[in-house]
């Protein structure tokens, strides 16, 4: 139902914007109705964003499915905190508070 409503709105948009628009792309020249030209520009814009995004998602999923290589046998004892990429420096002790 929603899809049919969207198609109806697109049809109305194209029919109301029928004035000719000159279009040039990579050396090709032509005339299209304004509504069709705008609709095509929107579709190409969505593809321009969606294709690299989809490629990146596929790339990340492939990396996620790879088996993790272990560096050596497990170490017994307390486990170190996870590496965050931020160096931690111990803070000096605080001086006693002077309540006055």
Protein backbone atom coordinates (compact mmCIF):
# COMPACT_ATOMS: atom_id res chain seq x y z
CA UNK A 1 0.00 0.00 0.00
CA UNK A 2 2.78 2.44 0.92
CA UNK A 3 4.71 1.49 -2.22
CA UNK A 4 1.69 2.29 -4.39
CA UNK A 5 1.31 5.68 -2.69
CA UNK A 6 4.98 6.51 -3.32
CA UNK A 7 4.64 5.53 -6.98
CA UNK A 8 1.53 7.68 -7.31
CA UNK A 9 3.36 10.67 -5.81
CA UNK A 10 6.29 10.13 -8.19
CA UNK A 11 3.95 9.97 -11.16
CA UNK A 12 2.28 13.23 -10.12
CA UNK A 13 5.71 14.83 -9.69
CA UNK A 14 6.85 13.78 -13.17
CA UNK A 15 3.59 14.88 -14.82
CA UNK A 16 3.59 18.31 -13.13
CA UNK A 17 7.23 18.99 -14.08
CA UNK A 18 7.03 18.36 -17.82
CA UNK A 19 8.88 21.44 -19.09
CA UNK A 20 11.95 20.49 -21.14
CA UNK A 21 15.37 20.52 -19.53
CA UNK A 22 18.61 20.25 -21.47
CA UNK A 23 20.90 17.60 -20.06
CA UNK A 24 24.60 17.02 -20.86
CA UNK A 25 26.58 14.11 -19.48
CA UNK A 26 30.03 12.93 -20.61
CA UNK A 27 29.68 14.50 -24.03
CA UNK A 28 26.11 13.30 -24.59
CA UNK A 29 23.48 16.00 -24.98
CA UNK A 30 19.73 15.66 -24.88
CA UNK A 31 16.45 17.04 -23.68
CA UNK A 32 14.32 15.41 -20.99
CA UNK A 33 11.24 16.49 -19.11
CA UNK A 34 12.32 18.26 -15.90
CA UNK A 35 10.59 15.72 -13.64
CA UNK A 36 12.35 12.79 -15.32
CA UNK A 37 15.73 14.55 -15.15
CA UNK A 38 15.30 15.26 -11.43
CA UNK A 39 14.15 11.71 -10.76
CA UNK A 40 17.16 10.28 -12.61
CA UNK A 41 19.49 12.60 -10.68
CA UNK A 42 17.99 11.36 -7.40
CA UNK A 43 18.39 7.71 -8.42
CA UNK A 44 22.02 8.25 -9.45
CA UNK A 45 22.66 10.07 -6.16
CA UNK A 46 21.28 7.14 -4.16
CA UNK A 47 23.43 4.71 -6.16
CA UNK A 48 26.48 6.90 -5.66
CA UNK A 49 26.03 6.56 -1.89
CA UNK A 50 24.68 3.00 -1.70
CA UNK A 51 27.29 1.19 -3.81
CA UNK A 52 30.39 2.21 -1.82
CA UNK A 53 28.46 1.70 1.43
CA UNK A 54 27.45 -1.81 0.41
CA UNK A 55 31.02 -2.61 -0.66
CA UNK A 56 32.30 -1.47 2.74
CA UNK A 57 29.73 -3.56 4.63
CA UNK A 58 30.69 -6.64 2.60
CA UNK A 59 34.37 -5.94 3.32
CA UNK A 60 33.74 -5.67 7.07
CA UNK A 61 31.68 -8.86 7.13
CA UNK A 62 34.47 -10.74 5.38
CA UNK A 63 36.94 -9.48 7.98
CA UNK A 64 34.57 -10.50 10.78
CA UNK A 65 34.30 -14.09 9.49
CA UNK A 66 38.05 -14.65 9.29
CA UNK A 67 39.41 -16.95 12.00
CA UNK A 68 41.45 -15.17 14.65
CA UNK A 69 45.07 -16.30 14.79
CA UNK A 70 46.39 -17.00 18.28
CA UNK A 71 49.85 -15.69 19.12
CA UNK A 72 50.75 -18.50 21.49
CA UNK A 73 49.54 -20.65 24.36
CA UNK A 74 47.17 -19.00 26.83
CA UNK A 75 48.83 -17.24 29.75
CA UNK A 76 47.74 -18.23 33.24
CA UNK A 77 47.06 -15.60 35.86
CA UNK A 78 45.08 -12.37 35.77
CA UNK A 79 44.20 -11.13 32.34
CA UNK A 80 45.49 -7.70 31.37
CA UNK A 81 43.00 -4.96 30.57
CA UNK A 82 41.99 -4.75 26.91
CA UNK A 83 44.17 -2.59 24.71
CA UNK A 84 42.43 0.66 23.83
CA UNK A 85 45.22 2.30 21.89
CA UNK A 86 45.53 4.99 24.56
CA UNK A 87 48.59 5.01 26.80
CA UNK A 88 47.71 5.09 30.47
CA UNK A 89 49.97 6.94 32.87
CA UNK A 90 49.62 6.43 36.63
CA UNK A 91 48.57 9.60 38.43
CA UNK A 92 50.62 10.92 41.36
CA UNK A 93 49.00 10.57 44.80
CA UNK A 94 46.71 13.40 45.85
CA UNK A 95 47.86 15.67 48.64
CA UNK A 96 45.67 15.52 51.78
CA UNK A 97 42.66 17.85 51.81
CA UNK A 98 42.75 20.79 54.08
CA UNK A 99 39.29 21.27 55.60
CA UNK A 100 38.96 24.68 57.06
